[in-house]
C-alpha atoms as a PDB file:
ATOM      1  CA  MET A   1      88.430  64.432   7.135  1.00  0.00           C
ATOM      2  CA  ASN A   2      85.561  62.748   9.054  1.00  0.00           C
ATOM      3  CA  SER A   3      82.410  64.425  10.359  1.00  0.00           C
ATOM      4  CA  THR A   4      83.840  64.700  13.961  1.00  0.00           C
ATOM      5  CA  GLU A   5      86.941  66.598  12.846  1.00  0.00           C
ATOM      6  CA  TYR A   6      84.870  68.795  10.504  1.00  0.00           C
ATOM      7  CA  GLU A   7      82.511  69.647  13.317  1.00  0.00           C
ATOM      8  CA  SER A   8      85.469  70.511  15.762  1.00  0.00           C
ATOM      9  CA  ILE A   9      87.114  72.739  13.139  1.00  0.00           C
ATOM     10  CA  SER A  10      83.729  74.506  12.533  1.00  0.00           C
ATOM     11  CA  ILE A  11      83.331  75.071  16.320  1.00  0.00           C
ATOM     12  CA  ALA A  12      86.835  76.545  16.615  1.00  0.00           C
ATOM     13  CA  ARG A  13      86.279  78.892  13.736  1.00  0.00           C
ATOM     14  CA  SER A  14      83.030  80.016  15.264  1.00  0.00           C
ATOM     15  CA  ARG A  15      84.680  80.607  18.604  1.00  0.00           C
ATOM     16  CA  TYR A  16      87.562  82.594  16.939  1.00  0.00           C
ATOM     17  CA  ALA A  17      85.056  84.757  14.971  1.00  0.00           C
ATOM     18  CA  GLY A  18      83.116  85.344  18.030  1.00  0.00           C
ATOM     19  CA  CYS A  19      86.326  86.360  19.960  1.00  0.00           C
ATOM     20  CA  CYS A  20      87.214  88.662  17.111  1.00  0.00           C
ATOM     21  CA  LEU A  21      83.873  90.300  17.188  1.00  0.00           C
ATOM     22  CA  ALA A  22      83.924  90.674  20.978  1.00  0.00           C
ATOM     23  CA  CYS A  23      87.476  92.284  20.660  1.00  0.00           C
ATOM     24  CA  GLY A  24      86.169  94.647  18.084  1.00  0.00           C
ATOM     25  CA  ILE A  25      83.305  95.642  20.112  1.00  0.00           C
ATOM     26  CA  CYS A  26      85.447  96.185  23.272  1.00  0.00           C
ATOM     27  CA  LYS A  27      87.881  98.342  21.142  1.00  0.00           C
ATOM     28  CA  ILE A  28      85.001 100.592  19.970  1.00  0.00           C
ATOM     29  CA  LEU A  29      83.531 100.932  23.341  1.00  0.00           C
ATOM     30  CA  CYS A  30      86.970 101.879  25.026  1.00  0.00           C
ATOM     31  CA  TYR A  31      87.532 104.547  22.265  1.00  0.00           C
ATOM     32  CA  THR A  32      84.145 106.033  22.705  1.00  0.00           C
ATOM     33  CA  ILE A  33      84.537 106.088  26.427  1.00  0.00           C
ATOM     34  CA  CYS A  34      88.099 107.614  26.234  1.00  0.00           C
ATOM     35  CA  CYS A  35      86.988 110.274  23.700  1.00  0.00           C
ATOM     36  CA  ARG A  36      84.154 111.266  25.826  1.00  0.00           C
ATOM     37  CA  ALA A  37      86.128 111.372  28.890  1.00  0.00           C
ATOM     38  CA  CYS A  38      88.968 113.555  27.169  1.00  0.00           C
ATOM     39  CA  ARG A  39      86.579 115.765  25.226  1.00  0.00           C
ATOM     40  CA  PRO A  40      86.301 119.124  27.028  1.00  0.00           C
ATOM     41  CA  ALA A  41      82.789 119.980  28.210  1.00  0.00           C
ATOM     42  CA  THR A  42      81.180 122.517  26.045  1.00  0.00           C
ATOM     43  CA  GLN A  43      80.644 125.625  27.838  1.00  0.00           C
ATOM     44  CA  PRO A  44      77.597 127.707  27.066  1.00  0.00           C
ATOM     45  CA  LYS A  45      78.494 131.030  25.503  1.00  0.00           C
ATOM     46  CA  GLU A  46      77.894 134.225  27.260  1.00  0.00           C
ATOM     47  CA  GLU A  47      75.382 136.641  25.970  1.00  0.00           C
ATOM     48  CA  LEU A  48      75.831 140.418  25.571  1.00  0.00           C
ATOM     49  CA  THR A  49      73.134 142.724  24.545  1.00  0.00           C
ATOM     50  CA  LEU A  50      73.848 145.604  22.271  1.00  0.00           C
ATOM     51  CA  LEU A  51      71.848 148.473  20.951  1.00  0.00           C
ATOM     52  CA  CYS A  52      71.981 149.509  17.242  1.00  0.00           C
ATOM     53  CA  LEU A  53      71.005 153.052  16.496  1.00  0.00           C
ATOM     54  CA  GLY A  54      71.203 155.352  13.563  1.00  0.00           C
ATOM     55  CA  LEU A  55      68.978 157.565  11.291  1.00  0.00           C
ATOM     56  CA  GLU A  56      66.468 155.959   9.051  1.00  0.00           C
ATOM     57  CA  GLY A  57      68.058 154.497   5.912  1.00  0.00           C
ATOM     58  CA  ALA A  58      71.551 154.465   7.509  1.00  0.00           C
ATOM     59  CA  GLY A  59      71.879 150.707   6.690  1.00  0.00           C
ATOM     60  CA  LYS A  60      71.269 149.208  10.201  1.00  0.00           C
ATOM     61  CA  SER A  61      69.014 146.312   9.093  1.00  0.00           C
ATOM     62  CA  THR A  62      71.321 145.439   6.242  1.00  0.00           C
ATOM     63  CA  LEU A  63      74.411 145.444   8.533  1.00  0.00           C
ATOM     64  CA  LEU A  64      72.888 143.144  11.176  1.00  0.00           C
ATOM     65  CA  ALA A  65      71.468 140.777   8.515  1.00  0.00           C
ATOM     66  CA  GLU A  66      75.092 140.382   7.177  1.00  0.00           C
ATOM     67  CA  LEU A  67      76.540 139.879  10.689  1.00  0.00           C
ATOM     68  CA  ALA A  68      73.840 137.296  11.473  1.00  0.00           C
ATOM     69  CA  GLY A  69      74.440 135.405   8.265  1.00  0.00           C
ATOM     70  CA  GLU A  70      70.906 136.202   7.095  1.00  0.00           C
ATOM     71  CA  THR A  71      69.495 137.271   3.675  1.00  0.00           C
ATOM     72  CA  VAL A  72      69.855 140.994   3.266  1.00  0.00           C
ATOM     73  CA  PRO A  73      66.426 142.388   3.568  1.00  0.00           C
ATOM     74  CA  GLU A  74      64.803 144.745   1.036  1.00  0.00           C
ATOM     75  CA  ALA A  75      65.159 148.558   1.787  1.00  0.00           C
ATOM     76  CA  GLU A  76      62.289 149.045   4.133  1.00  0.00           C
ATOM     77  CA  PRO A  77      62.518 151.086   7.402  1.00  0.00           C
ATOM     78  CA  THR A  78      62.368 149.233  10.660  1.00  0.00           C
ATOM     79  CA  ILE A  79      59.253 149.959  12.482  1.00  0.00           C
ATOM     80  CA  GLY A  80      59.586 149.972  16.181  1.00  0.00           C
ATOM     81  CA  PHE A  81      62.474 147.530  16.808  1.00  0.00           C
ATOM     82  CA  SER A  82      64.006 144.267  15.739  1.00  0.00           C
ATOM     83  CA  ILE A  83      66.573 141.842  17.485  1.00  0.00           C
ATOM     84  CA  LYS A  84      69.322 139.747  15.706  1.00  0.00           C
ATOM     85  CA  ALA A  85      71.571 137.207  17.262  1.00  0.00           C
ATOM     86  CA  VAL A  86      75.191 137.550  16.105  1.00  0.00           C
ATOM     87  CA  LEU A  87      77.412 134.457  16.962  1.00  0.00           C
ATOM     88  CA  MET A  88      81.021 135.237  18.032  1.00  0.00           C
ATOM     89  CA  GLU A  89      83.759 132.893  19.114  1.00  0.00           C
ATOM     90  CA  ARG A  90      83.131 133.360  22.823  1.00  0.00           C
ATOM     91  CA  VAL A  91      79.788 135.092  22.972  1.00  0.00           C
ATOM     92  CA  VAL A  92      76.421 135.554  21.429  1.00  0.00           C
ATOM     93  CA  LEU A  93      75.536 139.057  20.729  1.00  0.00           C
ATOM     94  CA  SER A  94      71.885 139.926  21.063  1.00  0.00           C
ATOM     95  CA  VAL A  95      71.588 143.288  19.066  1.00  0.00           C
ATOM     96  CA  LYS A  96      68.396 145.375  19.322  1.00  0.00           C
ATOM     97  CA  GLU A  97      67.834 147.682  16.364  1.00  0.00           C
ATOM     98  CA  LEU A  98      65.667 150.599  16.885  1.00  0.00           C
ATOM     99  CA  GLY A  99      63.908 152.334  13.938  1.00  0.00           C
ATOM    100  CA  GLY A 100      65.595 155.530  12.948  1.00  0.00           C
ATOM    101  CA  GLY A 101      62.418 157.489  11.813  1.00  0.00           C
ATOM    102  CA  PRO A 102      62.036 161.034  13.262  1.00  0.00           C
ATOM    103  CA  THR A 103      58.736 159.966  15.104  1.00  0.00           C
ATOM    104  CA  ILE A 104      60.330 156.732  16.536  1.00  0.00           C
ATOM    105  CA  ARG A 105      63.514 158.546  17.766  1.00  0.00           C
ATOM    106  CA  GLU A 106      61.317 160.505  20.231  1.00  0.00           C
ATOM    107  CA  TYR A 107      60.889 157.223  22.146  1.00  0.00           C
ATOM    108  CA  TRP A 108      64.367 155.749  21.725  1.00  0.00           C
ATOM    109  CA  GLU A 109      65.491 156.514  25.336  1.00  0.00           C
ATOM    110  CA  ARG A 110      62.866 154.207  26.753  1.00  0.00           C
ATOM    111  CA  TYR A 111      64.752 151.192  25.321  1.00  0.00           C
ATOM    112  CA  PHE A 112      68.387 152.459  26.288  1.00  0.00           C
ATOM    113  CA  SER A 113      68.484 150.456  29.698  1.00  0.00           C
ATOM    114  CA  GLY A 114      70.067 147.111  30.007  1.00  0.00           C
ATOM    115  CA  HIS A 115      72.797 147.131  27.194  1.00  0.00           C
ATOM    116  CA  ASP A 116      76.397 146.300  27.188  1.00  0.00           C
ATOM    117  CA  ALA A 117      77.550 148.488  24.171  1.00  0.00           C
ATOM    118  CA  VAL A 118      76.232 150.622  21.315  1.00  0.00           C
ATOM    119  CA  ILE A 119      76.517 150.400  17.596  1.00  0.00           C
ATOM    120  CA  PHE A 120      75.783 153.558  15.736  1.00  0.00           C
ATOM    121  CA  VAL A 121      75.502 153.342  11.967  1.00  0.00           C
ATOM    122  CA  ILE A 122      76.070 156.385   9.836  1.00  0.00           C
ATOM    123  CA  ASP A 123      75.256 156.644   6.126  1.00  0.00           C
ATOM    124  CA  SER A 124      78.482 157.349   4.343  1.00  0.00           C
ATOM    125  CA  MET A 125      76.503 158.665   1.403  1.00  0.00           C
ATOM    126  CA  SER A 126      75.093 161.425   3.598  1.00  0.00           C
ATOM    127  CA  SER A 127      75.397 165.142   2.820  1.00  0.00           C
ATOM    128  CA  ASP A 128      77.399 167.121   5.408  1.00  0.00           C
ATOM    129  CA  GLU A 129      74.063 168.423   6.805  1.00  0.00           C
ATOM    130  CA  GLN A 130      72.719 164.845   7.083  1.00  0.00           C
ATOM    131  CA  LEU A 131      76.005 163.885   8.753  1.00  0.00           C
ATOM    132  CA  SER A 132      75.719 166.807  11.040  1.00  0.00           C
ATOM    133  CA  GLU A 133      72.127 165.457  11.942  1.00  0.00           C
ATOM    134  CA  SER A 134      73.609 162.001  12.758  1.00  0.00           C
ATOM    135  CA  VAL A 135      76.251 163.471  14.925  1.00  0.00           C
ATOM    136  CA  THR A 136      73.764 165.555  16.784  1.00  0.00           C
ATOM    137  CA  CYS A 137      71.565 162.403  17.220  1.00  0.00           C
ATOM    138  CA  LEU A 138      74.551 160.421  18.532  1.00  0.00           C
ATOM    139  CA  SER A 139      75.560 163.118  20.901  1.00  0.00           C
ATOM    140  CA  ARG A 140      71.924 163.245  22.464  1.00  0.00           C
ATOM    141  CA  CYS A 141      71.930 159.286  22.809  1.00  0.00           C
ATOM    142  CA  LEU A 142      75.345 159.362  24.619  1.00  0.00           C
ATOM    143  CA  ALA A 143      74.200 161.975  26.927  1.00  0.00           C
ATOM    144  CA  SER A 144      71.526 159.443  28.385  1.00  0.00           C
ATOM    145  CA  SER A 145      72.421 158.168  31.744  1.00  0.00           C
ATOM    146  CA  ALA A 146      71.559 154.636  30.515  1.00  0.00           C
ATOM    147  CA  LEU A 147      74.417 154.721  28.059  1.00  0.00           C
ATOM    148  CA  ARG A 148      76.914 156.355  30.160  1.00  0.00           C
ATOM    149  CA  GLY A 149      80.373 154.673  29.849  1.00  0.00           C
ATOM    150  CA  LEU A 150      79.308 152.001  27.313  1.00  0.00           C
ATOM    151  CA  PRO A 151      81.706 151.369  24.464  1.00  0.00           C
ATOM    152  CA  VAL A 152      80.570 152.642  21.039  1.00  0.00           C
ATOM    153  CA  LEU A 153      81.313 151.184  17.693  1.00  0.00           C
ATOM    154  CA  VAL A 154      80.525 153.800  14.853  1.00  0.00           C
ATOM    155  CA  VAL A 155      79.855 152.038  11.465  1.00  0.00           C
ATOM    156  CA  CYS A 156      80.238 154.007   8.286  1.00  0.00           C
ATOM    157  CA  SER A 157      77.834 152.083   6.023  1.00  0.00           C
ATOM    158  CA  LYS A 158      77.886 151.927   2.174  1.00  0.00           C
ATOM    159  CA  GLN A 159      81.662 152.415   1.790  1.00  0.00           C
ATOM    160  CA  ASP A 160      81.472 150.643  -1.525  1.00  0.00           C
ATOM    161  CA  LYS A 161      79.325 153.331  -3.177  1.00  0.00           C
ATOM    162  CA  THR A 162      80.886 156.017  -5.356  1.00  0.00           C
ATOM    163  CA  GLY A 163      80.912 159.299  -3.627  1.00  0.00           C
ATOM    164  CA  SER A 164      80.728 157.991  -0.056  1.00  0.00           C
ATOM    165  CA  LYS A 165      82.396 159.926   2.661  1.00  0.00           C
ATOM    166  CA  SER A 166      85.691 158.377   3.952  1.00  0.00           C
ATOM    167  CA  VAL A 167      85.921 156.744   7.319  1.00  0.00           C
ATOM    168  CA  ASP A 168      88.319 159.606   8.458  1.00  0.00           C
ATOM    169  CA  HIS A 169      85.977 162.286   7.369  1.00  0.00           C
ATOM    170  CA  VAL A 170      83.197 160.890   9.614  1.00  0.00           C
ATOM    171  CA  LYS A 171      85.630 160.208  12.355  1.00  0.00           C
ATOM    172  CA  ALA A 172      86.618 163.889  12.378  1.00  0.00           C
ATOM    173  CA  MET A 173      82.878 164.764  12.892  1.00  0.00           C
ATOM    174  CA  VAL A 174      82.119 162.336  15.727  1.00  0.00           C
ATOM    175  CA  GLU A 175      85.150 162.188  17.868  1.00  0.00           C
ATOM    176  CA  SER A 176      84.225 165.525  19.675  1.00  0.00           C
ATOM    177  CA  VAL A 177      81.145 163.920  21.093  1.00  0.00           C
ATOM    178  CA  MET A 178      82.699 160.675  22.493  1.00  0.00           C
ATOM    179  CA  ASP A 179      83.676 162.590  25.812  1.00  0.00           C
ATOM    180  CA  GLY A 180      86.555 160.339  26.803  1.00  0.00           C
ATOM    181  CA  ARG A 181      84.599 156.978  26.415  1.00  0.00           C
ATOM    182  CA  LYS A 182      86.026 153.908  24.710  1.00  0.00           C
ATOM    183  CA  TRP A 183      84.895 153.995  20.998  1.00  0.00           C
ATOM    184  CA  SER A 184      86.031 152.823  17.465  1.00  0.00           C
ATOM    185  CA  ILE A 185      84.970 153.445  14.085  1.00  0.00           C
ATOM    186  CA  VAL A 186      85.035 151.250  10.860  1.00  0.00           C
ATOM    187  CA  GLY A 187      83.636 151.099   7.426  1.00  0.00           C
ATOM    188  CA  SER A 188      81.393 148.557   6.008  1.00  0.00           C
ATOM    189  CA  SER A 189      79.526 147.645   2.730  1.00  0.00           C
ATOM    190  CA  GLN A 190      76.778 145.192   1.840  1.00  0.00           C
ATOM    191  CA  ARG A 191      79.415 142.591   1.027  1.00  0.00           C
ATOM    192  CA  GLY A 192      82.103 143.384   3.528  1.00  0.00           C
ATOM    193  CA  VAL A 193      81.423 143.486   7.216  1.00  0.00           C
ATOM    194  CA  GLU A 194      84.543 141.716   8.420  1.00  0.00           C
ATOM    195  CA  ALA A 195      85.979 144.759   9.916  1.00  0.00           C
ATOM    196  CA  VAL A 196      82.740 145.271  11.949  1.00  0.00           C
ATOM    197  CA  LYS A 197      82.911 141.639  13.149  1.00  0.00           C
ATOM    198  CA  LYS A 198      86.544 142.159  14.215  1.00  0.00           C
ATOM    199  CA  GLU A 199      85.692 145.225  16.207  1.00  0.00           C
ATOM    200  CA  LEU A 200      82.642 143.672  17.828  1.00  0.00           C
ATOM    201  CA  GLU A 201      84.896 140.646  18.713  1.00  0.00           C
ATOM    202  CA  GLU A 202      87.384 142.973  20.455  1.00  0.00           C
ATOM    203  CA  ILE A 203      84.533 144.808  22.250  1.00  0.00           C
ATOM    204  CA  ALA A 204      82.887 141.581  23.441  1.00  0.00           C
ATOM    205  CA  ASN A 205      86.217 140.184  24.752  1.00  0.00           C
ATOM    206  CA  SER A 206      86.889 143.403  26.552  1.00  0.00           C
ATOM    207  CA  ILE A 207      83.634 143.279  28.368  1.00  0.00           C
ATOM    208  CA  ILE A 208      83.699 139.694  29.314  1.00  0.00           C
ATOM    209  CA  ASP A 209      87.278 139.823  30.428  1.00  0.00           C
ATOM    210  CA  ASN A 210      86.734 142.839  32.792  1.00  0.00           C
END
């Protein structure tokens, strides 16, 4: 093979490699464009605001930390209020927890406006006297015009503890104060909030679909 023939073959091979590279780039570009065109636009999630209430020590902070996928805090009372974001399939829940101490409860009603639903946490380890106090507190809250008609989720915390009151026991005490509103009740523990998540999902879907 003389130098002219070798040079011709080299040029042909270079052109062929260039064509293959160009074809490959075109395929990648076409695939990218098609994927972007076919991919549904990401819709921003709706946001609902929930109010989380309950007596001091009921387990509100622990529950919300679990729902938000955060580290469970040490057992310290909430001073004032805190807010957690709970991500659901169709919606983001912005949950405001109000501290449950006696002096703080006097000012609860100032923070009742502007919410879509209520979570009320009851300590399943409470005595009957403490349960009665929780039910009375819940009744007073629901009597507020700012919470009128809002769906309520009652959460019986600490269900994994020995000696805890059953969900049915708590239900029998709270159902009389619901006054015909939409409500539900579930149990929870520090390592088990799936039932709470399911109920919140149903509440959220009901709100945004109506």
